[in-house]
Amino acid sequence: MAKGDSGVVAAQPPQAMTTEEYQKVNFNDFKKGEEAAAEANKALASISNKEFSSATDLAKEWDLAVRPVSDKYGVEIASKIFLKDDKHFMFGAAYSDGNTVRVNSAIAPDVSRVNYREHGYIHTHPWNESFSGDDISWLKFRDHPMDERAYVTLPNGQIYEGRLGGPNGHQRRIY
């Protein structure tokens, strides 16, 4: 996959979907996204100020709270991840554009955590496939302010981490 003239990478369907199936579900339903994000933030409220000692621990707890909401609405939901002193992790508010096959980090709430820097983001997939073509593009052609990490949680409970670099980013299952 290569960047087009505009510098935007074309969205790619998950491997489990044909291009035709993907085109049927690749649209934004902002009302559904707002509802899903609001419900996800309510589910995250009890751990929203918790510091985690690892991104894996953060991802597990974030997924326990957000997964039921993502499954209910059938959309991707995401949050920024922040890091302090290379050992303390926190997440930001959940967001969603109501899309089934991607979530746009440009709509992430513009918030920061005092003494933390942006480390990356975490998001759900409504299907059991790790990183999509859009995720890999984010890892390969980063033109955003976040650090080089992405995390994806799947309905089967698996969690994957991806890092900037390589032909498909560096991906590994962390849970």
C-alpha atoms as a PDB file:
ATOM      1  CA  MET A   1       0.000   0.000   0.000  1.00  0.00           C
ATOM      2  CA  ALA A   2       1.420   3.390  -0.900  1.00  0.00           C
ATOM      3  CA  LYS A   3       0.468   6.958  -0.295  1.00  0.00           C
ATOM      4  CA  GLY A   4      -1.502   8.682  -2.994  1.00  0.00           C
ATOM      5  CA  ASP A   5      -0.685  12.114  -4.368  1.00  0.00           C
ATOM      6  CA  SER A   6      -2.615  13.727  -1.515  1.00  0.00           C
ATOM      7  CA  GLY A   7      -0.590  11.888   1.112  1.00  0.00           C
ATOM      8  CA  VAL A   8      -3.736  10.045   2.245  1.00  0.00           C
ATOM      9  CA  VAL A   9      -3.609   6.276   2.288  1.00  0.00           C
ATOM     10  CA  ALA A  10      -6.667   4.607   0.814  1.00  0.00           C
ATOM     11  CA  ALA A  11      -8.768   2.706   3.318  1.00  0.00           C
ATOM     12  CA  GLN A  12      -8.366  -1.063   3.024  1.00  0.00           C
ATOM     13  CA  PRO A  13     -10.930  -3.712   3.966  1.00  0.00           C
ATOM     14  CA  PRO A  14     -10.220  -6.193   6.738  1.00  0.00           C
ATOM     15  CA  GLN A  15      -8.893  -9.430   5.253  1.00  0.00           C
ATOM     16  CA  ALA A  16     -12.120 -11.201   6.209  1.00  0.00           C
ATOM     17  CA  MET A  17     -14.169  -8.831   3.993  1.00  0.00           C
ATOM     18  CA  THR A  18     -14.381  -8.379   0.266  1.00  0.00           C
ATOM     19  CA  THR A  19     -14.023  -4.860  -1.089  1.00  0.00           C
ATOM     20  CA  GLU A  20     -17.768  -4.829  -1.862  1.00  0.00           C
ATOM     21  CA  GLU A  21     -18.647  -5.843   1.718  1.00  0.00           C
ATOM     22  CA  TYR A  22     -16.271  -3.199   3.032  1.00  0.00           C
ATOM     23  CA  GLN A  23     -17.838  -0.441   0.927  1.00  0.00           C
ATOM     24  CA  LYS A  24     -21.238  -1.273   2.412  1.00  0.00           C
ATOM     25  CA  VAL A  25     -20.040  -0.698   5.985  1.00  0.00           C
ATOM     26  CA  ASN A  26     -17.296   1.937   5.541  1.00  0.00           C
ATOM     27  CA  PHE A  27     -19.291   5.034   6.378  1.00  0.00           C
ATOM     28  CA  ASN A  28     -19.595   7.272   9.404  1.00  0.00           C
ATOM     29  CA  ASP A  29     -22.701   7.380  11.534  1.00  0.00           C
ATOM     30  CA  PHE A  30     -21.710  10.273  13.800  1.00  0.00           C
ATOM     31  CA  LYS A  31     -24.847  10.047  15.953  1.00  0.00           C
ATOM     32  CA  LYS A  32     -24.150   6.368  16.678  1.00  0.00           C
ATOM     33  CA  GLY A  33     -20.495   7.247  17.291  1.00  0.00           C
ATOM     34  CA  GLU A  34     -21.397   9.958  19.808  1.00  0.00           C
ATOM     35  CA  GLU A  35     -23.755   7.598  21.629  1.00  0.00           C
ATOM     36  CA  ALA A  36     -21.165   4.798  21.697  1.00  0.00           C
ATOM     37  CA  ALA A  37     -18.411   7.146  22.913  1.00  0.00           C
ATOM     38  CA  ALA A  38     -20.644   8.580  25.665  1.00  0.00           C
ATOM     39  CA  GLU A  39     -21.550   5.080  26.850  1.00  0.00           C
ATOM     40  CA  ALA A  40     -17.903   3.958  26.674  1.00  0.00           C
ATOM     41  CA  ASN A  41     -16.819   6.955  28.757  1.00  0.00           C
ATOM     42  CA  LYS A  42     -19.422   6.069  31.392  1.00  0.00           C
ATOM     43  CA  ALA A  43     -18.087   2.504  31.429  1.00  0.00           C
ATOM     44  CA  LEU A  44     -14.510   3.837  31.797  1.00  0.00           C
ATOM     45  CA  ALA A  45     -15.345   6.342  34.559  1.00  0.00           C
ATOM     46  CA  SER A  46     -14.180   4.177  37.457  1.00  0.00           C
ATOM     47  CA  ILE A  47     -10.688   3.744  35.959  1.00  0.00           C
ATOM     48  CA  SER A  48     -10.360   7.030  34.037  1.00  0.00           C
ATOM     49  CA  ASN A  49      -7.736   8.469  36.422  1.00  0.00           C
ATOM     50  CA  LYS A  50      -5.892   5.226  37.121  1.00  0.00           C
ATOM     51  CA  GLU A  51      -2.177   4.944  36.322  1.00  0.00           C
ATOM     52  CA  PHE A  52      -1.189   1.604  34.828  1.00  0.00           C
ATOM     53  CA  SER A  53       2.286   0.084  35.100  1.00  0.00           C
ATOM     54  CA  SER A  54       2.129  -1.290  31.549  1.00  0.00           C
ATOM     55  CA  ALA A  55       0.268  -0.687  28.326  1.00  0.00           C
ATOM     56  CA  THR A  56      -0.874  -4.324  28.453  1.00  0.00           C
ATOM     57  CA  ASP A  57      -2.536  -3.800  31.844  1.00  0.00           C
ATOM     58  CA  LEU A  58      -4.175  -0.619  30.535  1.00  0.00           C
ATOM     59  CA  ALA A  59      -5.376  -2.414  27.393  1.00  0.00           C
ATOM     60  CA  LYS A  60      -6.915  -5.279  29.388  1.00  0.00           C
ATOM     61  CA  GLU A  61      -8.912  -3.017  31.697  1.00  0.00           C
ATOM     62  CA  TRP A  62      -9.858  -0.593  28.923  1.00  0.00           C
ATOM     63  CA  ASP A  63     -11.150  -3.495  26.834  1.00  0.00           C
ATOM     64  CA  LEU A  64     -13.175  -4.954  29.722  1.00  0.00           C
ATOM     65  CA  ALA A  65     -15.005  -1.625  29.992  1.00  0.00           C
ATOM     66  CA  VAL A  66     -15.300  -0.712  26.296  1.00  0.00           C
ATOM     67  CA  ARG A  67     -15.780  -4.092  24.583  1.00  0.00           C
ATOM     68  CA  PRO A  68     -19.460  -4.507  25.582  1.00  0.00           C
ATOM     69  CA  VAL A  69     -20.205  -1.023  24.208  1.00  0.00           C
ATOM     70  CA  SER A  70     -18.342  -1.658  20.958  1.00  0.00           C
ATOM     71  CA  ASP A  71     -20.193  -4.956  20.536  1.00  0.00           C
ATOM     72  CA  LYS A  72     -23.564  -3.331  21.296  1.00  0.00           C
ATOM     73  CA  TYR A  73     -23.151  -0.565  18.705  1.00  0.00           C
ATOM     74  CA  GLY A  74     -21.039  -2.546  16.212  1.00  0.00           C
ATOM     75  CA  VAL A  75     -18.542   0.324  15.807  1.00  0.00           C
ATOM     76  CA  GLU A  76     -14.882   0.948  16.501  1.00  0.00           C
ATOM     77  CA  ILE A  77     -14.153   2.961  19.644  1.00  0.00           C
ATOM     78  CA  ALA A  78     -10.766   4.435  20.536  1.00  0.00           C
ATOM     79  CA  SER A  79      -8.854   6.396  23.181  1.00  0.00           C
ATOM     80  CA  LYS A  80      -5.466   8.068  23.200  1.00  0.00           C
ATOM     81  CA  ILE A  81      -2.820   6.528  25.449  1.00  0.00           C
ATOM     82  CA  PHE A  82      -0.472   8.744  27.457  1.00  0.00           C
ATOM     83  CA  LEU A  83       2.895   7.857  29.015  1.00  0.00           C
ATOM     84  CA  LYS A  84       4.909   9.414  31.857  1.00  0.00           C
ATOM     85  CA  ASP A  85       8.509   8.551  32.764  1.00  0.00           C
ATOM     86  CA  ASP A  86       8.352   5.510  30.442  1.00  0.00           C
ATOM     87  CA  LYS A  87       6.485   3.571  33.140  1.00  0.00           C
ATOM     88  CA  HIS A  88       3.081   5.120  33.889  1.00  0.00           C
ATOM     89  CA  PHE A  89       0.243   4.806  31.384  1.00  0.00           C
ATOM     90  CA  MET A  90      -3.171   6.495  31.286  1.00  0.00           C
ATOM     91  CA  PHE A  91      -5.872   6.685  28.634  1.00  0.00           C
ATOM     92  CA  GLY A  92      -7.905   9.618  27.384  1.00  0.00           C
ATOM     93  CA  ALA A  93     -11.595   9.941  26.654  1.00  0.00           C
ATOM     94  CA  ALA A  94     -13.190   7.420  24.308  1.00  0.00           C
ATOM     95  CA  TYR A  95     -14.248   8.571  20.848  1.00  0.00           C
ATOM     96  CA  SER A  96     -15.937   7.081  17.782  1.00  0.00           C
ATOM     97  CA  ASP A  97     -17.144   8.331  14.425  1.00  0.00           C
ATOM     98  CA  GLY A  98     -19.673   5.494  14.264  1.00  0.00           C
ATOM     99  CA  ASN A  99     -17.770   3.546  11.629  1.00  0.00           C
ATOM    100  CA  THR A 100     -17.690  -0.248  11.674  1.00  0.00           C
ATOM    101  CA  VAL A 101     -14.277  -0.685  10.054  1.00  0.00           C
ATOM    102  CA  ARG A 102     -12.170   2.271  11.214  1.00  0.00           C
ATOM    103  CA  VAL A 103     -11.995   5.169  13.663  1.00  0.00           C
ATOM    104  CA  ASN A 104     -10.481   8.514  12.750  1.00  0.00           C
ATOM    105  CA  SER A 105      -7.906   9.794  15.263  1.00  0.00           C
ATOM    106  CA  ALA A 106      -8.541  13.330  13.988  1.00  0.00           C
ATOM    107  CA  ILE A 107     -11.777  13.379  16.028  1.00  0.00           C
ATOM    108  CA  ALA A 108     -10.019  12.414  19.268  1.00  0.00           C
ATOM    109  CA  PRO A 109     -10.785  14.858  22.066  1.00  0.00           C
ATOM    110  CA  ASP A 110      -7.992  17.430  22.251  1.00  0.00           C
ATOM    111  CA  VAL A 111      -7.014  16.732  25.835  1.00  0.00           C
ATOM    112  CA  SER A 112      -3.730  16.008  27.500  1.00  0.00           C
ATOM    113  CA  ARG A 113      -2.581  14.658  30.832  1.00  0.00           C
ATOM    114  CA  VAL A 114      -0.284  16.827  32.958  1.00  0.00           C
ATOM    115  CA  ASN A 115       3.308  15.498  32.822  1.00  0.00           C
ATOM    116  CA  TYR A 116       2.325  12.875  30.225  1.00  0.00           C
ATOM    117  CA  ARG A 117       3.107  12.678  26.518  1.00  0.00           C
ATOM    118  CA  GLU A 118       1.001  11.002  23.854  1.00  0.00           C
ATOM    119  CA  HIS A 119       2.099   7.398  23.438  1.00  0.00           C
ATOM    120  CA  GLY A 120      -0.424   6.186  20.857  1.00  0.00           C
ATOM    121  CA  TYR A 121      -3.967   4.933  20.851  1.00  0.00           C
ATOM    122  CA  ILE A 122      -6.087   1.895  21.624  1.00  0.00           C
ATOM    123  CA  HIS A 123      -9.194   0.846  19.729  1.00  0.00           C
ATOM    124  CA  THR A 124     -11.674  -1.959  19.288  1.00  0.00           C
ATOM    125  CA  HIS A 125     -12.350  -4.073  16.230  1.00  0.00           C
ATOM    126  CA  PRO A 126     -15.808  -5.587  15.833  1.00  0.00           C
ATOM    127  CA  TRP A 127     -14.239  -8.642  14.126  1.00  0.00           C
ATOM    128  CA  ASN A 128     -11.432 -11.030  15.112  1.00  0.00           C
ATOM    129  CA  GLU A 129      -8.637  -9.641  12.961  1.00  0.00           C
ATOM    130  CA  SER A 130      -5.678  -7.791  14.407  1.00  0.00           C
ATOM    131  CA  PHE A 131      -4.471  -4.757  12.459  1.00  0.00           C
ATOM    132  CA  SER A 132      -6.460  -3.601   9.442  1.00  0.00           C
ATOM    133  CA  GLY A 133      -5.012  -1.913   6.379  1.00  0.00           C
ATOM    134  CA  ASP A 134      -5.888   1.471   7.909  1.00  0.00           C
ATOM    135  CA  ASP A 135      -4.066   0.557  11.133  1.00  0.00           C
ATOM    136  CA  ILE A 136      -0.983  -0.554   9.224  1.00  0.00           C
ATOM    137  CA  SER A 137      -1.058   2.677   7.224  1.00  0.00           C
ATOM    138  CA  TRP A 138      -1.106   4.609  10.505  1.00  0.00           C
ATOM    139  CA  LEU A 139       1.926   2.639  11.661  1.00  0.00           C
ATOM    140  CA  LYS A 140       3.793   3.047   8.361  1.00  0.00           C
ATOM    141  CA  PHE A 141       2.934   6.566   7.235  1.00  0.00           C
ATOM    142  CA  ARG A 142       2.550   8.394  10.496  1.00  0.00           C
ATOM    143  CA  ASP A 143       1.692  12.046   9.950  1.00  0.00           C
ATOM    144  CA  HIS A 144      -0.012  12.596  13.276  1.00  0.00           C
ATOM    145  CA  PRO A 145       1.179  13.895  16.643  1.00  0.00           C
ATOM    146  CA  MET A 146       0.912  10.596  18.523  1.00  0.00           C
ATOM    147  CA  ASP A 147       3.871   8.362  19.293  1.00  0.00           C
ATOM    148  CA  GLU A 148       4.470   5.158  17.391  1.00  0.00           C
ATOM    149  CA  ARG A 149       2.189   2.714  19.244  1.00  0.00           C
ATOM    150  CA  ALA A 150      -1.233   1.347  18.389  1.00  0.00           C
ATOM    151  CA  TYR A 151      -3.252  -1.249  20.260  1.00  0.00           C
ATOM    152  CA  VAL A 152      -6.287  -3.174  19.035  1.00  0.00           C
ATOM    153  CA  THR A 153      -8.686  -5.307  21.070  1.00  0.00           C
ATOM    154  CA  LEU A 154     -10.744  -8.094  19.494  1.00  0.00           C
ATOM    155  CA  PRO A 155     -14.085  -9.694  20.418  1.00  0.00           C
ATOM    156  CA  ASN A 156     -12.297 -12.980  21.231  1.00  0.00           C
ATOM    157  CA  GLY A 157     -10.321 -11.193  24.010  1.00  0.00           C
ATOM    158  CA  GLN A 158      -7.010 -10.965  22.154  1.00  0.00           C
ATOM    159  CA  ILE A 159      -5.042  -7.700  22.233  1.00  0.00           C
ATOM    160  CA  TYR A 160      -2.348  -6.694  19.751  1.00  0.00           C
ATOM    161  CA  GLU A 161       0.319  -3.993  19.826  1.00  0.00           C
ATOM    162  CA  GLY A 162       1.763  -2.392  16.714  1.00  0.00           C
ATOM    163  CA  ARG A 163       4.792  -0.108  16.377  1.00  0.00           C
ATOM    164  CA  LEU A 164       5.964   2.229  13.672  1.00  0.00           C
ATOM    165  CA  GLY A 165       8.248   0.695  11.058  1.00  0.00           C
ATOM    166  CA  GLY A 166       8.654  -2.287   8.786  1.00  0.00           C
ATOM    167  CA  PRO A 167       6.547  -3.211   5.771  1.00  0.00           C
ATOM    168  CA  ASN A 168       3.479  -3.898   7.933  1.00  0.00           C
ATOM    169  CA  GLY A 169       4.543  -2.184  11.137  1.00  0.00           C
ATOM    170  CA  HIS A 170       5.804  -4.375  13.950  1.00  0.00           C
ATOM    171  CA  GLN A 171       2.856  -6.314  15.337  1.00  0.00           C
ATOM    172  CA  ARG A 172       2.641  -8.700  18.246  1.00  0.00           C
ATOM    173  CA  ARG A 173      -0.053 -10.256  20.358  1.00  0.00           C
ATOM    174  CA  ILE A 174       0.238  -8.998  23.940  1.00  0.00           C
ATOM    175  CA  TYR A 175      -2.786 -10.789  25.434  1.00  0.00           C
END
